[in-house]
Amino acid sequence: MGESEPSRRTSVHRALGGGLVADVLLWKNWCGGVMVLVSSTVMWYLFERAGYNLLSFVSNVLLLLVVILFFWAKAASLLNRPLPPLPDMEISEESVAKAADKLQIWINRALSIAHEIAIERNLILCLQITAALLLISFIGSKFNFLTLVYTFVLLSLSVPPLYDKYQDHIDDKLYMIHRKIQTLCGKLDSNPLRKILLPSNKAKKME
């Protein structure tokens, strides 16, 4: 029970941002969750099963919106009714700055990983990145991009609420897996082959 108490204090809702997105992913906002699920299912069916063309679909939707807005505005001017309630279509500098900051974090993280592999010659990290890229390549060869996106939506709407419900049990299993991975990494660090492939710090300084 002592090991599971910290996981009990972890808020999944706060980890997901604590806003509308978190409410949708955890099904606290049922209307939003149903809308995302239904819309993504319809989009996947139209493009994947019905063979509908994405460019044609986007152009038809935009054409319908333009026609609706035009006739709505015309009818509003003739009948002395309010115009269509359009949102503010300007991107604020604050939003651009936040997006740039997040992009900078991801770029710096990628450069840090590249530095660890190329300069520090981190064998464990290299093996992890290689395995992840091979896994992505294998999955990409089995499914197309649209199916992957739809699968990601389904997982996003199912994994967070399941983890929130069974958090203690999942954390215990993840902790056991983490300990086993640490043990395996320790064995790799002490492997003589690693010492041959990666020179020691003393050898680097002598160079």
Protein backbone atom coordinates (compact mmCIF):
# COMPACT_ATOMS: atom_id res chain seq x y z
CA MET A 1 0.00 0.00 0.00
CA GLY A 2 2.93 2.35 0.72
CA GLU A 3 4.20 2.19 -2.88
CA SER A 4 0.78 2.86 -4.36
CA GLU A 5 0.07 5.97 -2.26
CA PRO A 6 2.14 8.37 -4.46
CA SER A 7 0.28 7.18 -7.58
CA ARG A 8 -3.00 7.85 -5.80
CA ARG A 9 -2.00 11.52 -5.43
CA THR A 10 -1.22 11.80 -9.15
CA SER A 11 -4.02 13.64 -10.92
CA VAL A 12 -4.55 12.35 -14.46
CA HIS A 13 -6.84 15.28 -15.18
CA ARG A 14 -4.10 17.74 -14.19
CA ALA A 15 -1.47 15.80 -16.16
CA LEU A 16 -3.61 16.16 -19.30
CA GLY A 17 -3.77 19.93 -18.88
CA GLY A 18 -6.81 20.25 -16.63
CA GLY A 19 -8.91 21.98 -19.28
CA LEU A 20 -11.51 21.08 -21.87
CA VAL A 21 -9.21 18.55 -23.56
CA ALA A 22 -8.72 16.70 -20.28
CA ASP A 23 -12.48 16.69 -19.67
CA VAL A 24 -13.06 15.18 -23.12
CA LEU A 25 -10.31 12.54 -22.85
CA LEU A 26 -11.50 11.44 -19.39
CA TRP A 27 -15.16 11.52 -20.48
CA LYS A 28 -16.03 14.13 -17.87
CA ASN A 29 -17.48 16.08 -20.80
CA TRP A 30 -19.71 13.41 -22.37
CA CYS A 31 -20.97 15.69 -25.14
CA GLY A 32 -17.43 16.53 -26.28
CA GLY A 33 -16.27 12.92 -26.08
CA VAL A 34 -19.21 11.66 -28.12
CA MET A 35 -18.70 14.41 -30.71
CA VAL A 36 -15.00 13.56 -31.12
CA LEU A 37 -15.71 9.83 -31.35
CA VAL A 38 -18.58 10.18 -33.82
CA SER A 39 -16.86 12.76 -36.02
CA SER A 40 -13.59 10.79 -36.18
CA THR A 41 -15.51 7.58 -36.96
CA VAL A 42 -17.46 9.29 -39.75
CA MET A 43 -14.28 10.82 -41.20
CA TRP A 44 -12.48 7.49 -41.08
CA TYR A 45 -15.39 5.68 -42.73
CA LEU A 46 -15.77 8.28 -45.49
CA PHE A 47 -12.10 8.35 -46.46
CA GLU A 48 -11.08 4.77 -45.66
CA ARG A 49 -14.15 2.66 -46.49
CA ALA A 50 -16.30 4.79 -48.79
CA GLY A 51 -13.29 5.98 -50.79
CA TYR A 52 -14.20 9.66 -50.50
CA ASN A 53 -11.48 12.06 -51.63
CA LEU A 54 -10.09 14.36 -48.93
CA LEU A 55 -9.61 17.33 -51.26
CA SER A 56 -13.15 17.03 -52.61
CA PHE A 57 -14.57 16.70 -49.11
CA VAL A 58 -12.75 19.80 -47.82
CA SER A 59 -13.73 21.87 -50.86
CA ASN A 60 -17.38 20.80 -50.62
CA VAL A 61 -17.52 21.60 -46.90
CA LEU A 62 -15.96 25.01 -47.46
CA LEU A 63 -18.31 25.68 -50.38
CA LEU A 64 -21.31 24.79 -48.21
CA LEU A 65 -20.10 27.06 -45.41
CA VAL A 66 -19.51 29.97 -47.78
CA VAL A 67 -22.98 29.58 -49.33
CA ILE A 68 -24.63 29.35 -45.90
CA LEU A 69 -22.81 32.42 -44.58
CA PHE A 70 -23.57 34.42 -47.74
CA PHE A 71 -27.30 33.72 -47.69
CA TRP A 72 -27.42 34.15 -43.89
CA ALA A 73 -25.83 37.59 -44.20
CA LYS A 74 -28.19 38.54 -47.07
CA ALA A 75 -31.25 37.38 -45.16
CA ALA A 76 -30.06 39.20 -42.05
CA SER A 77 -29.69 42.49 -43.94
CA LEU A 78 -33.12 42.14 -45.57
CA LEU A 79 -34.94 41.07 -42.41
CA ASN A 80 -32.98 43.40 -40.12
CA ARG A 81 -31.63 40.46 -38.14
CA PRO A 82 -28.16 40.02 -36.56
CA LEU A 83 -25.31 38.89 -38.80
CA PRO A 84 -23.73 35.44 -38.49
CA PRO A 85 -21.80 35.17 -35.20
CA LEU A 86 -18.28 34.67 -36.52
CA PRO A 87 -15.46 34.23 -33.98
CA ASP A 88 -12.36 36.40 -33.87
CA MET A 89 -10.23 35.08 -36.73
CA GLU A 90 -6.97 36.71 -35.66
CA ILE A 91 -4.11 34.77 -34.09
CA SER A 92 -2.77 36.63 -31.09
CA GLU A 93 0.94 37.19 -30.52
CA GLU A 94 0.63 35.31 -27.23
CA SER A 95 -0.60 32.18 -29.05
CA VAL A 96 2.25 32.42 -31.55
CA ALA A 97 4.77 32.85 -28.72
CA LYS A 98 3.41 29.81 -26.85
CA ALA A 99 3.54 27.68 -29.99
CA ALA A 100 7.11 28.85 -30.68
CA ASP A 101 8.15 28.01 -27.10
CA LYS A 102 6.72 24.50 -27.36
CA LEU A 103 8.38 24.00 -30.74
CA GLN A 104 11.69 25.17 -29.28
CA ILE A 105 11.39 22.64 -26.45
CA TRP A 106 10.82 19.77 -28.90
CA ILE A 107 13.68 20.88 -31.17
CA ASN A 108 16.07 21.20 -28.23
CA ARG A 109 15.04 17.77 -26.99
CA ALA A 110 15.69 16.24 -30.43
CA LEU A 111 19.09 17.96 -30.63
CA SER A 112 19.93 16.73 -27.14
CA ILE A 113 19.12 13.15 -28.14
CA ALA A 114 21.24 13.53 -31.28
CA HIS A 115 24.10 14.88 -29.15
CA GLU A 116 23.85 11.95 -26.73
CA ILE A 117 24.01 9.45 -29.60
CA ALA A 118 26.60 11.10 -31.85
CA ILE A 119 28.94 12.77 -29.34
CA GLU A 120 28.46 10.91 -26.05
CA ARG A 121 27.92 7.60 -27.89
CA ASN A 122 25.11 6.54 -25.55
CA LEU A 123 24.52 2.92 -26.56
CA ILE A 124 21.35 2.46 -24.49
CA LEU A 125 19.70 5.56 -25.94
CA CYS A 126 20.77 4.56 -29.45
CA LEU A 127 19.15 1.15 -29.01
CA GLN A 128 15.97 2.73 -27.65
CA ILE A 129 15.66 5.19 -30.55
CA THR A 130 16.42 2.43 -33.07
CA ALA A 131 13.75 0.17 -31.56
CA ALA A 132 11.20 3.00 -31.55
CA LEU A 133 11.90 3.90 -35.19
CA LEU A 134 11.71 0.25 -36.26
CA LEU A 135 8.40 -0.09 -34.43
CA ILE A 136 7.03 3.04 -36.13
CA SER A 137 8.22 1.77 -39.51
CA PHE A 138 6.58 -1.62 -38.93
CA ILE A 139 3.28 -0.07 -37.86
CA GLY A 140 3.38 2.36 -40.80
CA SER A 141 3.84 -0.53 -43.22
CA LYS A 142 0.73 -2.27 -41.84
CA PHE A 143 -1.63 0.70 -41.59
CA ASN A 144 -2.10 3.90 -43.55
CA PHE A 145 -1.89 7.35 -41.99
CA LEU A 146 -5.64 7.87 -41.61
CA THR A 147 -6.10 4.56 -39.82
CA LEU A 148 -3.23 5.42 -37.49
CA VAL A 149 -4.83 8.79 -36.67
CA TYR A 150 -8.19 7.13 -36.02
CA THR A 151 -6.51 4.50 -33.83
CA PHE A 152 -4.75 7.28 -31.91
CA VAL A 153 -8.12 8.99 -31.33
CA LEU A 154 -9.65 5.75 -30.03
CA LEU A 155 -6.68 5.15 -27.72
CA SER A 156 -6.84 8.76 -26.49
CA LEU A 157 -10.50 8.29 -25.57
CA SER A 158 -9.99 4.91 -23.88
CA VAL A 159 -6.52 4.74 -22.26
CA PRO A 160 -6.72 7.88 -20.03
CA PRO A 161 -10.05 6.96 -18.39
CA LEU A 162 -8.91 3.36 -17.88
CA TYR A 163 -5.66 4.54 -16.32
CA ASP A 164 -7.55 7.00 -14.13
CA LYS A 165 -9.79 4.17 -12.90
CA TYR A 166 -7.11 1.49 -12.37
CA GLN A 167 -4.19 3.82 -11.62
CA ASP A 168 -2.82 1.94 -8.60
CA HIS A 169 -2.69 -1.46 -10.32
CA ILE A 170 -1.17 -0.04 -13.51
CA ASP A 171 1.47 1.93 -11.57
CA ASP A 172 2.49 -1.21 -9.70
CA LYS A 173 2.95 -3.13 -12.95
CA LEU A 174 4.86 -0.23 -14.55
CA TYR A 175 7.09 -0.04 -11.50
CA MET A 176 7.95 -3.73 -11.81
CA ILE A 177 8.69 -3.31 -15.54
CA HIS A 178 10.85 -0.27 -14.80
CA ARG A 179 12.88 -2.23 -12.26
CA LYS A 180 13.44 -5.04 -14.75
CA ILE A 181 14.55 -2.55 -17.44
CA GLN A 182 16.97 -0.95 -14.97
CA THR A 183 18.40 -4.37 -14.16
CA LEU A 184 18.80 -5.14 -17.86
CA CYS A 185 20.49 -1.77 -18.49
CA GLY A 186 22.84 -2.47 -15.59
CA LYS A 187 23.81 -5.77 -17.21
CA LEU A 188 24.41 -4.01 -20.53
CA ASP A 189 26.59 -1.39 -18.82
CA SER A 190 28.75 -4.13 -17.35
CA ASN A 191 28.91 -6.05 -20.64
CA PRO A 192 32.51 -6.35 -21.92
CA LEU A 193 31.27 -5.65 -25.46
CA ARG A 194 30.14 -2.18 -24.35
CA LYS A 195 33.61 -1.44 -23.02
CA ILE A 196 35.06 -2.42 -26.39
CA LEU A 197 32.58 -0.34 -28.41
CA LEU A 198 32.68 2.71 -26.12
CA PRO A 199 36.06 3.95 -24.89
CA SER A 200 36.33 5.05 -21.31
CA ASN A 201 36.47 8.66 -20.16
CA LYS A 202 40.21 8.31 -19.47
CA ALA A 203 40.81 7.25 -23.06
CA LYS A 204 38.80 10.26 -24.27
CA LYS A 205 40.90 12.63 -22.16
CA MET A 206 44.14 11.11 -23.45
CA GLU A 207 42.95 11.68 -27.00
